[in-house]
Amino acid sequence: MSRARAASRASAFVVLGAIGCGDIEPPVLLDEQESVRYPFPAWDAGTVGEVMLRVRVTPDGTVDSVELQTTSGKPALDSAALVDAWKLLFEPARRADEEIAAWVSVPVRFEREDSVVSEENGP
């Protein structure tokens, strides 16, 4: 796979919503947006891993805070995920008919077709 395509190989998915708030619909990551960029030096070195971020989504669906929840153990991957998380767009959380701010966990997986990271086989 080329370096140009490598930029689209990292992916972000929302897996958890507003924990402990049963009456809140959590934010949902919008589908049509640019993926987190795979750092070229990490791509060239065959580095793979998964970063877990915690992001706060505003009532307008933008990100206003990002925290590293779980490191990949690879600083280049952690940094790329943290930087690009600010660009993510969401359908905001809702309580009844009101759009509200909420925290969500976002895993960002950096993988190559020739070296796949998954829950089954680990990094």
Protein backbone atom coordinates (compact mmCIF):
# COMPACT_ATOMS: atom_id res chain seq x y z
CA MET A 1 0.00 0.00 0.00
CA SER A 2 1.32 3.46 -0.86
CA ARG A 3 2.07 6.23 1.60
CA ALA A 4 -0.78 8.27 0.12
CA ARG A 5 -3.25 5.54 0.98
CA ALA A 6 -1.64 5.14 4.40
CA ALA A 7 -3.17 8.43 5.48
CA SER A 8 -6.61 6.88 5.25
CA ARG A 9 -5.75 3.60 7.02
CA ALA A 10 -6.07 4.94 10.55
CA SER A 11 -9.66 4.96 11.65
CA ALA A 12 -11.66 6.33 14.54
CA PHE A 13 -14.84 4.88 15.95
CA VAL A 14 -16.98 5.99 18.89
CA VAL A 15 -17.51 3.01 21.18
CA LEU A 16 -18.76 4.47 24.43
CA GLY A 17 -21.20 7.24 25.19
CA ALA A 18 -21.94 9.32 28.20
CA ILE A 19 -21.31 6.67 30.83
CA GLY A 20 -23.76 6.59 33.73
CA CYS A 21 -26.30 8.86 32.03
CA GLY A 22 -29.08 6.54 30.90
CA ASP A 23 -31.32 9.34 29.58
CA ILE A 24 -28.60 10.76 27.31
CA GLU A 25 -28.08 9.70 23.72
CA PRO A 26 -24.27 9.78 23.23
CA PRO A 27 -22.54 11.68 20.44
CA VAL A 28 -22.08 9.80 17.18
CA LEU A 29 -19.05 10.23 14.93
CA LEU A 30 -20.12 11.50 11.51
CA ASP A 31 -19.18 9.19 8.63
CA GLU A 32 -18.17 11.65 5.94
CA GLN A 33 -14.89 13.11 7.19
CA GLU A 34 -11.16 12.72 6.85
CA SER A 35 -9.56 9.91 8.86
CA VAL A 36 -6.78 10.38 11.38
CA ARG A 37 -3.51 10.60 9.45
CA TYR A 38 -1.04 7.71 9.78
CA PRO A 39 2.39 9.26 10.50
CA PHE A 40 4.64 8.45 7.53
CA PRO A 41 7.68 7.46 9.63
CA ALA A 42 5.49 5.05 11.62
CA TRP A 43 4.02 3.69 8.38
CA ASP A 44 7.47 3.19 6.87
CA ALA A 45 8.64 1.40 10.03
CA GLY A 46 5.60 -0.90 10.04
CA THR A 47 4.43 0.50 13.39
CA VAL A 48 0.86 -0.45 14.34
CA GLY A 49 -1.22 0.12 17.44
CA GLU A 50 -4.38 1.48 18.97
CA VAL A 51 -4.84 4.70 20.93
CA MET A 52 -7.88 5.32 23.14
CA LEU A 53 -8.88 8.95 23.38
CA ARG A 54 -11.46 10.66 25.52
CA VAL A 55 -13.04 13.62 23.72
CA ARG A 56 -15.60 16.17 24.81
CA VAL A 57 -18.15 16.92 22.12
CA THR A 58 -19.92 20.29 22.25
CA PRO A 59 -23.62 20.85 21.55
CA ASP A 60 -22.67 21.88 17.99
CA GLY A 61 -20.80 18.59 17.38
CA THR A 62 -17.24 19.90 17.50
CA VAL A 63 -14.49 18.74 19.86
CA ASP A 64 -13.41 21.14 22.61
CA SER A 65 -11.20 18.87 24.71
CA VAL A 66 -9.07 15.77 24.04
CA GLU A 67 -7.35 13.47 26.54
CA LEU A 68 -5.17 10.41 26.05
CA GLN A 69 -7.07 7.64 27.81
CA THR A 70 -4.84 4.70 26.80
CA THR A 71 -1.52 4.97 25.00
CA SER A 72 -0.52 2.77 22.10
CA GLY A 73 2.98 2.72 23.58
CA LYS A 74 4.20 4.48 20.44
CA PRO A 75 4.56 8.27 20.81
CA ALA A 76 4.14 8.97 17.08
CA LEU A 77 0.77 7.20 16.99
CA ASP A 78 -0.41 8.82 20.22
CA SER A 79 0.55 12.28 18.93
CA ALA A 80 -1.14 11.81 15.55
CA ALA A 81 -4.36 10.66 17.21
CA LEU A 82 -4.34 13.57 19.69
CA VAL A 83 -3.70 16.19 16.99
CA ASP A 84 -6.28 14.93 14.50
CA ALA A 85 -9.00 14.29 17.12
CA TRP A 86 -9.62 18.05 17.22
CA LYS A 87 -10.86 17.85 13.61
CA LEU A 88 -13.48 15.15 14.23
CA LEU A 89 -17.14 16.06 13.84
CA PHE A 90 -20.03 14.43 15.69
CA GLU A 91 -23.76 14.37 15.89
CA PRO A 92 -24.00 15.89 19.39
CA ALA A 93 -25.31 14.12 22.46
CA ARG A 94 -28.97 14.66 23.29
CA ARG A 95 -31.08 14.73 26.40
CA ALA A 96 -34.68 14.70 25.26
CA ASP A 97 -34.75 17.32 22.45
CA GLU A 98 -31.76 19.29 23.74
CA GLU A 99 -28.27 19.01 22.25
CA ILE A 100 -25.73 18.87 25.08
CA ALA A 101 -21.98 18.51 25.61
CA ALA A 102 -20.75 15.01 26.51
CA TRP A 103 -17.56 12.96 26.78
CA VAL A 104 -17.00 9.90 24.57
CA SER A 105 -14.19 7.37 24.22
CA VAL A 106 -12.77 7.14 20.73
CA PRO A 107 -10.40 4.32 19.76
CA VAL A 108 -8.03 5.16 16.91
CA ARG A 109 -6.52 2.12 15.26
CA PHE A 110 -3.37 2.36 13.15
CA GLU A 111 -3.03 -0.79 11.08
CA ARG A 112 -1.54 -2.05 7.85
CA GLU A 113 -3.08 -4.68 5.63
CA ASP A 114 0.06 -6.78 6.04
CA SER A 115 0.04 -6.39 9.86
CA VAL A 116 -3.45 -6.11 11.31
CA VAL A 117 -4.11 -5.12 14.91
CA SER A 118 -7.26 -6.56 16.40
CA GLU A 119 -8.68 -7.53 19.75
CA GLU A 120 -7.89 -11.15 18.96
CA ASN A 121 -4.20 -10.86 18.13
CA GLY A 122 -3.14 -7.61 19.88
CA PRO A 123 -0.57 -5.11 18.64
